Amino acid sequence: MRSVRINLTPRVASGRRIDAIDELKGLAICLIIVYHCEGMLGFPNALHGEIGVDIFLILSGFSLAMNSVEMPLGQYFLRRFARIYPAYWLALALFIWLQKKYFGATRSWENIWQHVVGIHGFSRLTYFMDITEPFWFISLILAAYVVFALIRRRLDDLSLIVAVAGSLTLLATILYQDNGHVGGLISLAVRIPSFFAGLIAGRLLCAGTAEIKFNLVLGLGLLCFYYQTFFRSTSDDYTLPALGIIAAWIGLRHLLVRSFQGRVFLAAFSLLGLISYEVFLFHLPLIRDYNTYIYYHALDVHFPTHVQLLRGIFVGLGVTVAISICIHWATEWVWSHFKFRRPTASTPA
């Protein structure tokens, strides 16, 4: 037996919006916010909310496999550009200006143009989490979009997807590790498989057909993970737990939709999920850097208590949500004029 053909009944229709995806994005951004709040308040990272990044990657891969396989390549890149860059550039410009005005921070032209393009995550360690830490994610997701464009017509070949995931993960691990780039190693490289796990799930649930070929390509892809784990002493510890959270949420939502309170709870996460990308870009400096700045310089409180910091966090989150809603609405308006709205029909998971 040289291959196994998988034939499933498709569970989701291409081009339709899935309620659970928005809800899970809302859950993911909540986990990330809790993670950053724990660090700011000096609490232990008990919840490991950074796994929200992996949930985002899985959902991104899933959505692309569901909606973008047959899309013309020009339209695909236009949609990705419109979704990523406008909000990112606004956040980038805002925080560069604020940091120069209030902290006197200046940056090299090389640093700035690499951030503008979004390749800073593959450059120097000092650029990786500069300006604001979450911006490293832009480099990862842009690279994922390019890789998807190259393999999207071959999603039926699961062996190829595993091979690409393994080779890219190992390549990133070696490059970051050999250059002493700790940030890229622990934040970016080990998260690459999460995106491809989403691609596989999207392919199976949307198209229902796939094939696993027991060939050299599959073997080399799996050997990459073997080499990474035992010879590079790194492992991909996020993908499986993130898939577990997603599966648990899908099971939980089937119970929640039965009651009014449960539906309100899900609607709240869904609304937050709609602006989750914008919240991701703007939230950290507003709840941390400018929270403490106001206490130190405006209120003359040099050692704010946890209660005081929490008040500032809630104010910062309020400002973040307001900014995010405005930017998301503006982006939707632009999309409507270019005639490539996001899917609006809704279907349960």
Foldseek 3Di string as FASTA:
>chain_A
DFKDKFFADAQDAAQAAALLLLLLLLVLLVLVLVQLLCVQQVHDNPPVSLLSLLLVLLSVLLNCLRYPLPPPPVVLVVVVCLVPQPLQVVLLVVLVVVCCVQVVDDDDPVLVVCLNVLQQLVDDLVSCQPSHHLSNVSNQVVVVSVVCVVCSNPLQEVLQLLLVLLVQLLVQCCVCVVVVNVCSNVNPSLSSVSNSNSNNVNNCNHVVIHMYGNDPSSVNSVVSQVCCCPVVVDHNPSNVVSVVVSVVVLVVLVVLVVDPVSVVVSVVSSVCSLLSVQLSSQQNCQLHVVLQVCCVPVVVNNDDHSVSSVVSSVVSSVVSVVVSVVVSVVSQVVCVVVPNHRRDHYDYD
